[in-house]
Protein backbone atom coordinates (compact mmCIF):
# COMPACT_ATOMS: atom_id res chain seq x y z
CA GLY A 1 0.00 0.00 0.02
CA HIS A 2 0.89 3.69 -0.03
CA ASN A 3 3.15 4.75 2.82
CA GLY A 4 2.95 8.45 3.47
CA ASN A 5 6.12 8.36 5.53
CA GLN A 6 8.15 7.26 2.57
CA ILE A 7 7.46 10.02 0.08
CA ARG A 8 10.57 10.81 -1.89
CA CYS A 9 11.73 14.04 -3.38
CA TYR A 10 12.93 13.49 -6.93
CA ASN A 11 14.71 16.87 -6.94
CA CYS A 12 17.26 16.20 -4.16
CA ARG A 13 16.47 12.43 -3.57
CA GLY A 14 15.46 13.30 -0.01
CA VAL A 15 12.81 11.46 1.88
CA GLY A 16 9.87 13.03 3.72
CA HIS A 17 9.02 15.90 1.35
CA PHE A 18 7.86 16.43 -2.26
CA ALA A 19 9.98 18.17 -4.85
CA ARG A 20 7.64 21.19 -4.74
CA ASP A 21 8.50 21.57 -1.04
CA CYS A 22 12.21 21.00 -1.60
CA THR A 23 14.56 23.73 -0.32
CA VAL A 24 17.51 22.41 -2.37
CA ARG A 25 17.80 24.32 -5.58
CA PRO A 26 19.24 22.20 -8.41
CA ARG A 27 22.41 23.72 -9.93
CA ARG A 28 23.96 22.46 -13.15
CA ARG A 29 27.53 23.33 -12.03
CA ASP A 30 27.16 21.79 -8.57
CA ALA A 31 27.27 18.15 -9.56
CA ALA A 32 29.64 17.36 -6.70
CA TYR A 33 27.34 19.05 -4.17
CA LEU A 34 24.35 17.09 -5.45
CA GLN A 35 26.37 13.82 -5.30
CA THR A 36 27.28 14.58 -1.68
CA GLN A 37 23.65 15.27 -0.77
CA LEU A 38 22.68 12.01 -2.44
CA LEU A 39 25.29 10.10 -0.45
CA ILE A 40 24.12 11.72 2.78
CA ALA A 41 20.51 10.86 1.99
CA GLN A 42 21.51 7.23 1.27
CA LYS A 43 23.44 7.04 4.59
CA GLU A 44 20.48 8.48 6.56
CA GLU A 45 18.17 6.06 4.78
CA ALA A 46 20.35 3.05 5.66
CA ARG A 47 20.58 4.22 9.25
CA ILE A 48 16.79 4.39 9.44
CA GLN A 49 16.38 0.90 8.01
CA LEU A 50 18.91 -0.44 10.56
């Protein structure tokens, strides 16, 4: 079923908010920053699952 706690933002890959509510502004030149945010999100996600 649909789990409202697992909504995912496709803008910053964050969990818990929609892209329209995302405070992270996508920047074309900031690929490294976006990669870092993605890694942080994955680590937090793994921590929650554990």
